[in-house]
Amino acid sequence: MTDDGRRMIAGLARGCHPGPTVAVTALVTALAAAAGHGAAGCLLVGLAVLSGQLSIGWCNDAADAGRDVAAGRADKPAVDGTITPRALWIAAAVALACCVPLSFASGPLAGSAHLAGVLAAWAYDLGVKATLLSWVPYAVGFGVLPAFVTLGLPGEPWPAWWATAAAALLGVGAHLANVLPDLADDLATGVRGWPQRLGAARLRALLPLPLLAATCLLAFGPSTTTPPTAEPPAATGHSAVLSDGSSPSAPASTDPSADEADGPAFPGLARTSPMAWIALATAVVLTAAGLLLARNHPRVPFAAAVAVAGVDVALLLTGGASLTG
């Protein structure tokens, strides 16, 4: 292989945003396995997500090449000459073209959901990132992922509301976390999306909140959509019947303790697993620590948000089999 070929491969590898690309692909593929996809289905889901994420990353670096040069972003391959913006555009278009059939291989509804998220991310790269609605493509892009997974299953079931809402909140949190390290460069080059308008202090304080909200949904959402197991009626040899043919009704209880014995006031909370409570407590502690230490350690909120995201991902994966409610 020539030096130019090796340089282009290195530029493509750096320009695809490898960290987020690998993380999102691994997460959705694991979620597909947990939800009941077979090996072939998981492979198709993984390839579709991978091609979509590659197209998004290359589109982002190609679209931002001019601003990255102005900001002196030497870490960007299009700035240090490793690859040209034109090559990134071509790679992004090829990856997007591959993403279309790979997405539809999981079914028409699943493919449409995934492509809607990919196109939302492209819209972000191509200009929405500099508007007050910069959070919307992230919410859409992440929010459709549970639908992509479940609609590819037999019967094409839709995901539970809490799974979609939690994924969308994770997307908003990812948007805030993604902007924070580049906030100064964005402002210097005229990018004024929602996080940039918030400013550094409010952004650090807000960053963990959507992730914590996602944790609550993932902890308690499944218990609100899973009905309690009904107790069978006691078997009797015969039923008492009144003279008019009706059954007698039991007298109303005047003992308050009898109502409590019937069950908790919030049965959904009672059905919540201990692991969900532990995950929520962990997320609360991490969020509080990030906020308390923010003044003296400005980067702690970002680290706390990443840790909360890890808790959310674990809850999402353990709840994979119940994504359809």
C-alpha atoms as a PDB file:
ATOM      1  CA  MET A   1       0.000   0.000   0.000  1.00  0.00           C
ATOM      2  CA  THR A   2       1.282   3.451  -0.853  1.00  0.00           C
ATOM      3  CA  ASP A   3       1.894   6.206   1.676  1.00  0.00           C
ATOM      4  CA  ASP A   4      -1.094   8.118   0.305  1.00  0.00           C
ATOM      5  CA  GLY A   5      -3.315   5.084   0.833  1.00  0.00           C
ATOM      6  CA  ARG A   6      -2.173   4.618   4.398  1.00  0.00           C
ATOM      7  CA  ARG A   7      -2.637   8.330   5.052  1.00  0.00           C
ATOM      8  CA  MET A   8      -6.187   8.231   3.712  1.00  0.00           C
ATOM      9  CA  ILE A   9      -7.093   5.202   5.843  1.00  0.00           C
ATOM     10  CA  ALA A  10      -5.693   6.953   8.908  1.00  0.00           C
ATOM     11  CA  GLY A  11      -7.668  10.094   8.036  1.00  0.00           C
ATOM     12  CA  LEU A  12     -10.894   8.135   7.611  1.00  0.00           C
ATOM     13  CA  ALA A  13     -10.332   6.327  10.899  1.00  0.00           C
ATOM     14  CA  ARG A  14      -9.788   9.587  12.771  1.00  0.00           C
ATOM     15  CA  GLY A  15     -12.508  11.493  10.942  1.00  0.00           C
ATOM     16  CA  CYS A  16     -15.316   9.024  11.679  1.00  0.00           C
ATOM     17  CA  HIS A  17     -15.326   9.957  15.395  1.00  0.00           C
ATOM     18  CA  PRO A  18     -14.268   6.428  16.362  1.00  0.00           C
ATOM     19  CA  GLY A  19     -15.214   6.619  20.044  1.00  0.00           C
ATOM     20  CA  PRO A  20     -18.917   7.476  19.598  1.00  0.00           C
ATOM     21  CA  THR A  21     -19.141   5.290  16.484  1.00  0.00           C
ATOM     22  CA  VAL A  22     -17.905   2.180  18.281  1.00  0.00           C
ATOM     23  CA  ALA A  23     -19.900   2.929  21.442  1.00  0.00           C
ATOM     24  CA  VAL A  24     -23.252   3.462  19.694  1.00  0.00           C
ATOM     25  CA  THR A  25     -22.755   0.466  17.408  1.00  0.00           C
ATOM     26  CA  ALA A  26     -21.859  -1.833  20.300  1.00  0.00           C
ATOM     27  CA  LEU A  27     -24.757  -0.576  22.432  1.00  0.00           C
ATOM     28  CA  VAL A  28     -27.448  -1.040  19.791  1.00  0.00           C
ATOM     29  CA  THR A  29     -26.092  -4.437  18.729  1.00  0.00           C
ATOM     30  CA  ALA A  30     -26.090  -5.629  22.342  1.00  0.00           C
ATOM     31  CA  LEU A  31     -29.594  -4.232  22.785  1.00  0.00           C
ATOM     32  CA  ALA A  32     -30.749  -6.165  19.722  1.00  0.00           C
ATOM     33  CA  ALA A  33     -29.361  -9.378  21.200  1.00  0.00           C
ATOM     34  CA  ALA A  34     -31.056  -8.696  24.539  1.00  0.00           C
ATOM     35  CA  ALA A  35     -34.360  -7.958  22.798  1.00  0.00           C
ATOM     36  CA  GLY A  36     -34.377 -11.342  21.047  1.00  0.00           C
ATOM     37  CA  HIS A  37     -32.683 -10.903  17.660  1.00  0.00           C
ATOM     38  CA  GLY A  38     -30.777 -13.908  16.399  1.00  0.00           C
ATOM     39  CA  ALA A  39     -27.155 -13.841  15.272  1.00  0.00           C
ATOM     40  CA  ALA A  40     -28.033 -12.796  11.713  1.00  0.00           C
ATOM     41  CA  GLY A  41     -30.403 -10.109  12.953  1.00  0.00           C
ATOM     42  CA  CYS A  42     -27.801  -8.707  15.337  1.00  0.00           C
ATOM     43  CA  LEU A  43     -25.234  -8.650  12.536  1.00  0.00           C
ATOM     44  CA  LEU A  44     -27.597  -6.701  10.272  1.00  0.00           C
ATOM     45  CA  VAL A  45     -28.464  -4.259  13.048  1.00  0.00           C
ATOM     46  CA  GLY A  46     -24.786  -3.739  13.847  1.00  0.00           C
ATOM     47  CA  LEU A  47     -23.795  -3.166  10.222  1.00  0.00           C
ATOM     48  CA  ALA A  48     -26.663  -0.724   9.680  1.00  0.00           C
ATOM     49  CA  VAL A  49     -25.769   1.287  12.774  1.00  0.00           C
ATOM     50  CA  LEU A  50     -22.061   1.186  11.943  1.00  0.00           C
ATOM     51  CA  SER A  51     -22.588   2.477   8.396  1.00  0.00           C
ATOM     52  CA  GLY A  52     -24.916   5.179   9.669  1.00  0.00           C
ATOM     53  CA  GLN A  53     -22.489   6.316  12.362  1.00  0.00           C
ATOM     54  CA  LEU A  54     -19.593   6.340   9.894  1.00  0.00           C
ATOM     55  CA  SER A  55     -21.584   8.536   7.510  1.00  0.00           C
ATOM     56  CA  ILE A  56     -22.495  10.921  10.332  1.00  0.00           C
ATOM     57  CA  GLY A  57     -18.918  11.238  11.573  1.00  0.00           C
ATOM     58  CA  TRP A  58     -17.422  11.818   8.137  1.00  0.00           C
ATOM     59  CA  CYS A  59     -20.164  14.289   7.251  1.00  0.00           C
ATOM     60  CA  ASN A  60     -19.459  16.180  10.471  1.00  0.00           C
ATOM     61  CA  ASP A  61     -15.737  16.529   9.835  1.00  0.00           C
ATOM     62  CA  ALA A  62     -16.276  17.451   6.174  1.00  0.00           C
ATOM     63  CA  ALA A  63     -18.871  20.106   7.007  1.00  0.00           C
ATOM     64  CA  ASP A  64     -16.776  21.526   9.858  1.00  0.00           C
ATOM     65  CA  ALA A  65     -13.466  21.560   7.982  1.00  0.00           C
ATOM     66  CA  GLY A  66     -13.488  25.325   7.422  1.00  0.00           C
ATOM     67  CA  ARG A  67     -14.385  26.126  11.027  1.00  0.00           C
ATOM     68  CA  ASP A  68     -11.831  23.617  12.317  1.00  0.00           C
ATOM     69  CA  VAL A  69      -9.100  25.316  10.281  1.00  0.00           C
ATOM     70  CA  ALA A  70     -10.141  28.716  11.641  1.00  0.00           C
ATOM     71  CA  ALA A  71     -10.099  27.368  15.210  1.00  0.00           C
ATOM     72  CA  GLY A  72      -6.714  25.681  14.714  1.00  0.00           C
ATOM     73  CA  ARG A  73      -8.044  22.212  15.519  1.00  0.00           C
ATOM     74  CA  ALA A  74      -4.821  20.321  14.800  1.00  0.00           C
ATOM     75  CA  ASP A  75      -6.444  17.101  16.065  1.00  0.00           C
ATOM     76  CA  LYS A  76      -8.732  17.019  13.021  1.00  0.00           C
ATOM     77  CA  PRO A  77      -7.446  15.043  10.000  1.00  0.00           C
ATOM     78  CA  ALA A  78      -8.881  17.558   7.523  1.00  0.00           C
ATOM     79  CA  VAL A  79      -6.885  20.306   9.264  1.00  0.00           C
ATOM     80  CA  ASP A  80      -3.490  18.608   9.473  1.00  0.00           C
ATOM     81  CA  GLY A  81      -3.676  17.447   5.837  1.00  0.00           C
ATOM     82  CA  THR A  82      -4.147  13.741   6.535  1.00  0.00           C
ATOM     83  CA  ILE A  83      -7.283  13.734   4.352  1.00  0.00           C
ATOM     84  CA  THR A  84      -9.164  16.269   2.260  1.00  0.00           C
ATOM     85  CA  PRO A  85     -12.728  17.448   2.931  1.00  0.00           C
ATOM     86  CA  ARG A  86     -13.688  16.148  -0.526  1.00  0.00           C
ATOM     87  CA  ALA A  87     -12.540  12.630   0.410  1.00  0.00           C
ATOM     88  CA  LEU A  88     -14.566  12.849   3.620  1.00  0.00           C
ATOM     89  CA  TRP A  89     -17.670  13.890   1.663  1.00  0.00           C
ATOM     90  CA  ILE A  90     -17.258  10.954  -0.700  1.00  0.00           C
ATOM     91  CA  ALA A  91     -16.781   8.522   2.187  1.00  0.00           C
ATOM     92  CA  ALA A  92     -19.842   9.924   3.965  1.00  0.00           C
ATOM     93  CA  ALA A  93     -21.985   9.525   0.835  1.00  0.00           C
ATOM     94  CA  VAL A  94     -20.809   5.938   0.282  1.00  0.00           C
ATOM     95  CA  ALA A  95     -21.495   5.016   3.919  1.00  0.00           C
ATOM     96  CA  LEU A  96     -24.964   6.576   3.729  1.00  0.00           C
ATOM     97  CA  ALA A  97     -25.709   4.654   0.534  1.00  0.00           C
ATOM     98  CA  CYS A  98     -24.707   1.416   2.279  1.00  0.00           C
ATOM     99  CA  CYS A  99     -26.807   2.312   5.316  1.00  0.00           C
ATOM    100  CA  VAL A 100     -30.065   2.354   3.316  1.00  0.00           C
ATOM    101  CA  PRO A 101     -30.241  -1.337   2.297  1.00  0.00           C
ATOM    102  CA  LEU A 102     -28.654  -2.468   5.557  1.00  0.00           C
ATOM    103  CA  SER A 103     -31.344  -0.630   7.531  1.00  0.00           C
ATOM    104  CA  PHE A 104     -34.207  -1.987   5.428  1.00  0.00           C
ATOM    105  CA  ALA A 105     -32.823  -5.514   5.824  1.00  0.00           C
ATOM    106  CA  SER A 106     -34.442  -5.441   9.287  1.00  0.00           C
ATOM    107  CA  GLY A 107     -37.827  -4.591   7.746  1.00  0.00           C
ATOM    108  CA  PRO A 108     -39.523  -1.534   6.249  1.00  0.00           C
ATOM    109  CA  LEU A 109     -40.663   0.010   9.526  1.00  0.00           C
ATOM    110  CA  ALA A 110     -37.382  -0.667  11.314  1.00  0.00           C
ATOM    111  CA  GLY A 111     -35.368   0.632   8.360  1.00  0.00           C
ATOM    112  CA  SER A 112     -37.454   3.785   8.105  1.00  0.00           C
ATOM    113  CA  ALA A 113     -37.001   4.470  11.829  1.00  0.00           C
ATOM    114  CA  HIS A 114     -33.241   4.068  11.658  1.00  0.00           C
ATOM    115  CA  LEU A 115     -32.857   6.180   8.534  1.00  0.00           C
ATOM    116  CA  ALA A 116     -34.949   8.935  10.130  1.00  0.00           C
ATOM    117  CA  GLY A 117     -32.385   9.077  12.930  1.00  0.00           C
ATOM    118  CA  VAL A 118     -29.428   9.066  10.542  1.00  0.00           C
ATOM    119  CA  LEU A 119     -30.933  11.872   8.447  1.00  0.00           C
ATOM    120  CA  ALA A 120     -31.614  13.871  11.613  1.00  0.00           C
ATOM    121  CA  ALA A 121     -27.922  13.593  12.467  1.00  0.00           C
ATOM    122  CA  TRP A 122     -26.978  14.750   8.961  1.00  0.00           C
ATOM    123  CA  ALA A 123     -29.286  17.742   9.413  1.00  0.00           C
ATOM    124  CA  TYR A 124     -27.384  18.557  12.611  1.00  0.00           C
ATOM    125  CA  ASP A 125     -24.051  18.411  10.793  1.00  0.00           C
ATOM    126  CA  LEU A 126     -25.311  20.535   7.909  1.00  0.00           C
ATOM    127  CA  GLY A 127     -26.557  23.465   9.973  1.00  0.00           C
ATOM    128  CA  VAL A 128     -29.025  22.661  12.749  1.00  0.00           C
ATOM    129  CA  LYS A 129     -26.094  22.495  15.190  1.00  0.00           C
ATOM    130  CA  ALA A 130     -25.837  26.302  15.040  1.00  0.00           C
ATOM    131  CA  THR A 131     -29.485  26.896  16.002  1.00  0.00           C
ATOM    132  CA  LEU A 132     -31.531  26.857  19.181  1.00  0.00           C
ATOM    133  CA  LEU A 133     -32.950  23.480  18.067  1.00  0.00           C
ATOM    134  CA  SER A 134     -29.548  21.799  18.040  1.00  0.00           C
ATOM    135  CA  TRP A 135     -30.776  19.264  20.608  1.00  0.00           C
ATOM    136  CA  VAL A 136     -33.586  17.955  18.384  1.00  0.00           C
ATOM    137  CA  PRO A 137     -31.447  15.815  16.011  1.00  0.00           C
ATOM    138  CA  TYR A 138     -29.778  14.137  18.994  1.00  0.00           C
ATOM    139  CA  ALA A 139     -33.145  13.424  20.625  1.00  0.00           C
ATOM    140  CA  VAL A 140     -34.498  12.005  17.364  1.00  0.00           C
ATOM    141  CA  GLY A 141     -31.332  10.096  16.459  1.00  0.00           C
ATOM    142  CA  PHE A 142     -31.128   8.318  19.806  1.00  0.00           C
ATOM    143  CA  GLY A 143     -34.876   8.131  20.340  1.00  0.00           C
ATOM    144  CA  VAL A 144     -35.515   5.981  17.267  1.00  0.00           C
ATOM    145  CA  LEU A 145     -32.948   3.333  18.206  1.00  0.00           C
ATOM    146  CA  PRO A 146     -35.296   1.268  20.429  1.00  0.00           C
ATOM    147  CA  ALA A 147     -37.836   1.324  17.574  1.00  0.00           C
ATOM    148  CA  PHE A 148     -35.181   0.159  15.128  1.00  0.00           C
ATOM    149  CA  VAL A 149     -34.458  -2.790  17.419  1.00  0.00           C
ATOM    150  CA  THR A 150     -38.035  -3.817  18.247  1.00  0.00           C
ATOM    151  CA  LEU A 151     -39.617  -3.225  14.834  1.00  0.00           C
ATOM    152  CA  GLY A 152     -37.156  -5.728  13.387  1.00  0.00           C
ATOM    153  CA  LEU A 153     -38.572  -8.487  15.598  1.00  0.00           C
ATOM    154  CA  PRO A 154     -41.343 -10.876  14.474  1.00  0.00           C
ATOM    155  CA  GLY A 155     -44.660  -9.034  14.535  1.00  0.00           C
ATOM    156  CA  GLU A 156     -42.905  -5.645  14.343  1.00  0.00           C
ATOM    157  CA  PRO A 157     -43.805  -4.538  17.895  1.00  0.00           C
ATOM    158  CA  TRP A 158     -43.311  -0.890  18.836  1.00  0.00           C
ATOM    159  CA  PRO A 159     -41.079  -0.112  21.806  1.00  0.00           C
ATOM    160  CA  ALA A 160     -42.485   0.922  25.164  1.00  0.00           C
ATOM    161  CA  TRP A 161     -42.898   4.670  25.631  1.00  0.00           C
ATOM    162  CA  TRP A 162     -40.351   4.763  28.438  1.00  0.00           C
ATOM    163  CA  ALA A 163     -37.662   3.141  26.273  1.00  0.00           C
ATOM    164  CA  THR A 164     -38.097   5.740  23.526  1.00  0.00           C
ATOM    165  CA  ALA A 165     -38.202   8.632  25.987  1.00  0.00           C
ATOM    166  CA  ALA A 166     -35.123   7.403  27.852  1.00  0.00           C
ATOM    167  CA  ALA A 167     -33.162   6.982  24.620  1.00  0.00           C
ATOM    168  CA  ALA A 168     -34.127  10.516  23.546  1.00  0.00           C
ATOM    169  CA  LEU A 169     -32.979  11.902  26.897  1.00  0.00           C
ATOM    170  CA  LEU A 170     -29.687  10.040  26.522  1.00  0.00           C
ATOM    171  CA  GLY A 171     -29.326  11.768  23.161  1.00  0.00           C
ATOM    172  CA  VAL A 172     -29.852  15.199  24.703  1.00  0.00           C
ATOM    173  CA  GLY A 173     -27.279  14.374  27.369  1.00  0.00           C
ATOM    174  CA  ALA A 174     -24.851  13.197  24.701  1.00  0.00           C
ATOM    175  CA  HIS A 175     -25.351  16.499  22.858  1.00  0.00           C
ATOM    176  CA  LEU A 176     -24.471  18.527  25.953  1.00  0.00           C
ATOM    177  CA  ALA A 177     -21.463  16.323  26.725  1.00  0.00           C
ATOM    178  CA  ASN A 178     -20.243  16.480  23.124  1.00  0.00           C
ATOM    179  CA  VAL A 179     -20.334  20.282  23.017  1.00  0.00           C
ATOM    180  CA  LEU A 180     -18.748  21.000  26.393  1.00  0.00           C
ATOM    181  CA  PRO A 181     -15.074  20.375  25.493  1.00  0.00           C
ATOM    182  CA  ASP A 182     -15.363  22.438  22.263  1.00  0.00           C
ATOM    183  CA  LEU A 183     -17.481  25.276  23.656  1.00  0.00           C
ATOM    184  CA  ALA A 184     -14.861  28.008  23.286  1.00  0.00           C
ATOM    185  CA  ASP A 185     -13.927  26.981  19.730  1.00  0.00           C
ATOM    186  CA  ASP A 186     -17.587  26.844  18.715  1.00  0.00           C
ATOM    187  CA  LEU A 187     -18.273  30.339  20.010  1.00  0.00           C
ATOM    188  CA  ALA A 188     -15.140  31.671  18.303  1.00  0.00           C
ATOM    189  CA  THR A 189     -16.293  30.326  14.931  1.00  0.00           C
ATOM    190  CA  GLY A 190     -19.902  31.496  15.232  1.00  0.00           C
ATOM    191  CA  VAL A 191     -21.635  28.239  16.215  1.00  0.00           C
ATOM    192  CA  ARG A 192     -24.418  29.192  18.617  1.00  0.00           C
ATOM    193  CA  GLY A 193     -26.528  26.153  19.270  1.00  0.00           C
ATOM    194  CA  TRP A 194     -28.537  25.567  22.420  1.00  0.00           C
ATOM    195  CA  PRO A 195     -25.569  24.506  24.637  1.00  0.00           C
ATOM    196  CA  GLN A 196     -23.405  27.403  23.426  1.00  0.00           C
ATOM    197  CA  ARG A 197     -26.160  29.859  24.345  1.00  0.00           C
ATOM    198  CA  LEU A 198     -26.416  28.375  27.816  1.00  0.00           C
ATOM    199  CA  GLY A 199     -22.783  29.178  28.590  1.00  0.00           C
ATOM    200  CA  ALA A 200     -20.189  27.000  30.289  1.00  0.00           C
ATOM    201  CA  ALA A 201     -21.475  27.253  33.882  1.00  0.00           C
ATOM    202  CA  ARG A 202     -25.117  26.448  33.126  1.00  0.00           C
ATOM    203  CA  LEU A 203     -24.080  23.774  30.637  1.00  0.00           C
ATOM    204  CA  ARG A 204     -22.028  21.928  33.252  1.00  0.00           C
ATOM    205  CA  ALA A 205     -24.885  22.106  35.734  1.00  0.00           C
ATOM    206  CA  LEU A 206     -27.496  20.942  33.212  1.00  0.00           C
ATOM    207  CA  LEU A 207     -25.449  18.183  31.602  1.00  0.00           C
ATOM    208  CA  PRO A 208     -26.263  15.347  34.056  1.00  0.00           C
ATOM    209  CA  LEU A 209     -29.997  16.112  34.304  1.00  0.00           C
ATOM    210  CA  PRO A 210     -31.290  14.460  31.117  1.00  0.00           C
ATOM    211  CA  LEU A 211     -29.147  11.428  31.872  1.00  0.00           C
ATOM    212  CA  LEU A 212     -30.586  11.242  35.379  1.00  0.00           C
ATOM    213  CA  ALA A 213     -34.109  11.585  33.979  1.00  0.00           C
ATOM    214  CA  ALA A 214     -33.333   8.712  31.607  1.00  0.00           C
ATOM    215  CA  THR A 215     -32.205   6.649  34.588  1.00  0.00           C
ATOM    216  CA  CYS A 216     -35.555   7.243  36.301  1.00  0.00           C
ATOM    217  CA  LEU A 217     -37.462   6.159  33.200  1.00  0.00           C
ATOM    218  CA  LEU A 218     -35.375   3.018  32.791  1.00  0.00           C
ATOM    219  CA  ALA A 219     -35.679   2.191  36.491  1.00  0.00           C
ATOM    220  CA  PHE A 220     -39.437   2.698  36.864  1.00  0.00           C
ATOM    221  CA  GLY A 221     -40.784   2.555  33.310  1.00  0.00           C
ATOM    222  CA  PRO A 222     -40.911  -1.250  33.022  1.00  0.00           C
ATOM    223  CA  SER A 223     -42.896  -1.558  36.280  1.00  0.00           C
ATOM    224  CA  THR A 224     -45.561   0.844  34.982  1.00  0.00           C
ATOM    225  CA  THR A 225     -46.188  -1.248  31.852  1.00  0.00           C
ATOM    226  CA  THR A 226     -46.000  -4.730  33.396  1.00  0.00           C
ATOM    227  CA  PRO A 227     -49.319  -5.642  35.032  1.00  0.00           C
ATOM    228  CA  PRO A 228     -49.217  -7.361  38.406  1.00  0.00           C
ATOM    229  CA  THR A 229     -49.958 -11.049  38.554  1.00  0.00           C
ATOM    230  CA  ALA A 230     -53.605 -11.566  39.473  1.00  0.00           C
ATOM    231  CA  GLU A 231     -54.379 -13.922  42.308  1.00  0.00           C
ATOM    232  CA  PRO A 232     -56.876 -16.653  41.287  1.00  0.00           C
ATOM    233  CA  PRO A 233     -60.168 -16.644  43.207  1.00  0.00           C
ATOM    234  CA  ALA A 234     -60.486 -19.140  45.989  1.00  0.00           C
ATOM    235  CA  ALA A 235     -62.255 -22.317  44.936  1.00  0.00           C
ATOM    236  CA  THR A 236     -65.565 -23.045  46.666  1.00  0.00           C
ATOM    237  CA  GLY A 237     -68.054 -25.819  46.363  1.00  0.00           C
ATOM    238  CA  HIS A 238     -71.002 -23.468  45.739  1.00  0.00           C
ATOM    239  CA  SER A 239     -71.897 -19.790  45.750  1.00  0.00           C
ATOM    240  CA  ALA A 240     -74.435 -18.204  48.020  1.00  0.00           C
ATOM    241  CA  VAL A 241     -77.433 -16.763  46.134  1.00  0.00           C
ATOM    242  CA  LEU A 242     -80.017 -14.340  47.447  1.00  0.00           C
ATOM    243  CA  SER A 243     -83.737 -14.839  46.968  1.00  0.00           C
ATOM    244  CA  ASP A 244     -83.744 -12.442  44.001  1.00  0.00           C
ATOM    245  CA  GLY A 245     -81.056 -14.465  42.249  1.00  0.00           C
ATOM    246  CA  SER A 246     -78.168 -12.068  42.921  1.00  0.00           C
ATOM    247  CA  SER A 247     -74.967 -12.823  44.755  1.00  0.00           C
ATOM    248  CA  PRO A 248     -74.408 -11.230  48.123  1.00  0.00           C
ATOM    249  CA  SER A 249     -71.828  -8.455  48.290  1.00  0.00           C
ATOM    250  CA  ALA A 250     -69.164  -8.381  50.950  1.00  0.00           C
ATOM    251  CA  PRO A 251     -69.640  -5.694  53.588  1.00  0.00           C
ATOM    252  CA  ALA A 252     -67.372  -2.682  53.300  1.00  0.00           C
ATOM    253  CA  SER A 253     -64.428  -2.859  55.644  1.00  0.00           C
ATOM    254  CA  THR A 254     -64.064  -0.148  58.236  1.00  0.00           C
ATOM    255  CA  ASP A 255     -60.579  -1.259  59.252  1.00  0.00           C
ATOM    256  CA  PRO A 256     -57.871   0.900  57.566  1.00  0.00           C
ATOM    257  CA  SER A 257     -55.308  -1.852  58.043  1.00  0.00           C
ATOM    258  CA  ALA A 258     -57.360  -4.075  55.759  1.00  0.00           C
ATOM    259  CA  ASP A 259     -56.837  -1.680  52.829  1.00  0.00           C
ATOM    260  CA  GLU A 260     -53.088  -1.650  53.447  1.00  0.00           C
ATOM    261  CA  ALA A 261     -53.058  -5.430  53.442  1.00  0.00           C
ATOM    262  CA  ASP A 262     -54.614  -5.456  49.976  1.00  0.00           C
ATOM    263  CA  GLY A 263     -51.399  -4.064  48.518  1.00  0.00           C
ATOM    264  CA  PRO A 264     -49.187  -0.955  48.355  1.00  0.00           C
ATOM    265  CA  ALA A 265     -50.567   2.381  47.213  1.00  0.00           C
ATOM    266  CA  PHE A 266     -48.088   2.376  44.323  1.00  0.00           C
ATOM    267  CA  PRO A 267     -47.864  -1.198  43.032  1.00  0.00           C
ATOM    268  CA  GLY A 268     -45.557  -0.159  40.175  1.00  0.00           C
ATOM    269  CA  LEU A 269     -42.886   0.921  42.638  1.00  0.00           C
ATOM    270  CA  ALA A 270     -43.277  -2.317  44.547  1.00  0.00           C
ATOM    271  CA  ARG A 271     -42.540  -4.275  41.359  1.00  0.00           C
ATOM    272  CA  THR A 272     -39.370  -2.293  40.664  1.00  0.00           C
ATOM    273  CA  SER A 273     -36.293  -4.513  40.922  1.00  0.00           C
ATOM    274  CA  PRO A 274     -33.633  -3.863  43.577  1.00  0.00           C
ATOM    275  CA  MET A 275     -31.090  -3.365  40.790  1.00  0.00           C
ATOM    276  CA  ALA A 276     -33.127  -0.450  39.434  1.00  0.00           C
ATOM    277  CA  TRP A 277     -33.147   1.222  42.845  1.00  0.00           C
ATOM    278  CA  ILE A 278     -29.391   0.717  43.180  1.00  0.00           C
ATOM    279  CA  ALA A 279     -28.823   2.173  39.708  1.00  0.00           C
ATOM    280  CA  LEU A 280     -30.977   5.206  40.478  1.00  0.00           C
ATOM    281  CA  ALA A 281     -29.216   5.816  43.801  1.00  0.00           C
ATOM    282  CA  THR A 282     -25.847   5.566  42.057  1.00  0.00           C
ATOM    283  CA  ALA A 283     -26.928   8.043  39.388  1.00  0.00           C
ATOM    284  CA  VAL A 284     -28.188  10.509  42.020  1.00  0.00           C
ATOM    285  CA  VAL A 285     -24.912  10.332  43.951  1.00  0.00           C
ATOM    286  CA  LEU A 286     -22.843  10.830  40.799  1.00  0.00           C
ATOM    287  CA  THR A 287     -24.969  13.777  39.672  1.00  0.00           C
ATOM    288  CA  ALA A 288     -24.857  15.462  43.087  1.00  0.00           C
ATOM    289  CA  ALA A 289     -21.086  15.009  43.308  1.00  0.00           C
ATOM    290  CA  GLY A 290     -20.627  16.550  39.874  1.00  0.00           C
ATOM    291  CA  LEU A 291     -22.689  19.593  40.786  1.00  0.00           C
ATOM    292  CA  LEU A 292     -21.028  20.101  44.188  1.00  0.00           C
ATOM    293  CA  LEU A 293     -17.490  19.859  42.799  1.00  0.00           C
ATOM    294  CA  ALA A 294     -18.136  21.931  39.684  1.00  0.00           C
ATOM    295  CA  ARG A 295     -16.829  25.230  41.074  1.00  0.00           C
ATOM    296  CA  ASN A 296     -13.329  23.989  41.926  1.00  0.00           C
ATOM    297  CA  HIS A 297     -13.116  21.183  39.366  1.00  0.00           C
ATOM    298  CA  PRO A 298     -14.810  22.313  36.133  1.00  0.00           C
ATOM    299  CA  ARG A 299     -14.430  18.983  34.345  1.00  0.00           C
ATOM    300  CA  VAL A 300     -15.969  16.873  37.100  1.00  0.00           C
ATOM    301  CA  PRO A 301     -19.575  17.368  35.862  1.00  0.00           C
ATOM    302  CA  PHE A 302     -18.600  15.940  32.488  1.00  0.00           C
ATOM    303  CA  ALA A 303     -16.992  12.920  34.136  1.00  0.00           C
ATOM    304  CA  ALA A 304     -20.078  12.488  36.326  1.00  0.00           C
ATOM    305  CA  ALA A 305     -22.340  12.654  33.273  1.00  0.00           C
ATOM    306  CA  VAL A 306     -20.298   9.961  31.536  1.00  0.00           C
ATOM    307  CA  ALA A 307     -20.609   7.777  34.630  1.00  0.00           C
ATOM    308  CA  VAL A 308     -24.388   8.312  34.758  1.00  0.00           C
ATOM    309  CA  ALA A 309     -24.558   7.397  31.065  1.00  0.00           C
ATOM    310  CA  GLY A 310     -22.833   4.132  31.934  1.00  0.00           C
ATOM    311  CA  VAL A 311     -25.542   3.396  34.497  1.00  0.00           C
ATOM    312  CA  ASP A 312     -28.225   4.186  31.912  1.00  0.00           C
ATOM    313  CA  VAL A 313     -26.637   1.913  29.340  1.00  0.00           C
ATOM    314  CA  ALA A 314     -26.519  -0.952  31.832  1.00  0.00           C
ATOM    315  CA  LEU A 315     -30.198  -0.485  32.669  1.00  0.00           C
ATOM    316  CA  LEU A 316     -31.109  -0.312  28.981  1.00  0.00           C
ATOM    317  CA  LEU A 317     -29.293  -3.551  28.258  1.00  0.00           C
ATOM    318  CA  THR A 318     -30.711  -5.441  31.244  1.00  0.00           C
ATOM    319  CA  GLY A 319     -34.188  -4.336  30.200  1.00  0.00           C
ATOM    320  CA  GLY A 320     -33.715  -5.313  26.573  1.00  0.00           C
ATOM    321  CA  ALA A 321     -36.142  -8.229  26.630  1.00  0.00           C
ATOM    322  CA  SER A 322     -38.969  -5.968  27.874  1.00  0.00           C
ATOM    323  CA  LEU A 323     -38.425  -3.066  25.462  1.00  0.00           C
ATOM    324  CA  THR A 324     -41.858  -3.612  23.979  1.00  0.00           C
ATOM    325  CA  GLY A 325     -43.533  -3.170  27.336  1.00  0.00           C
END
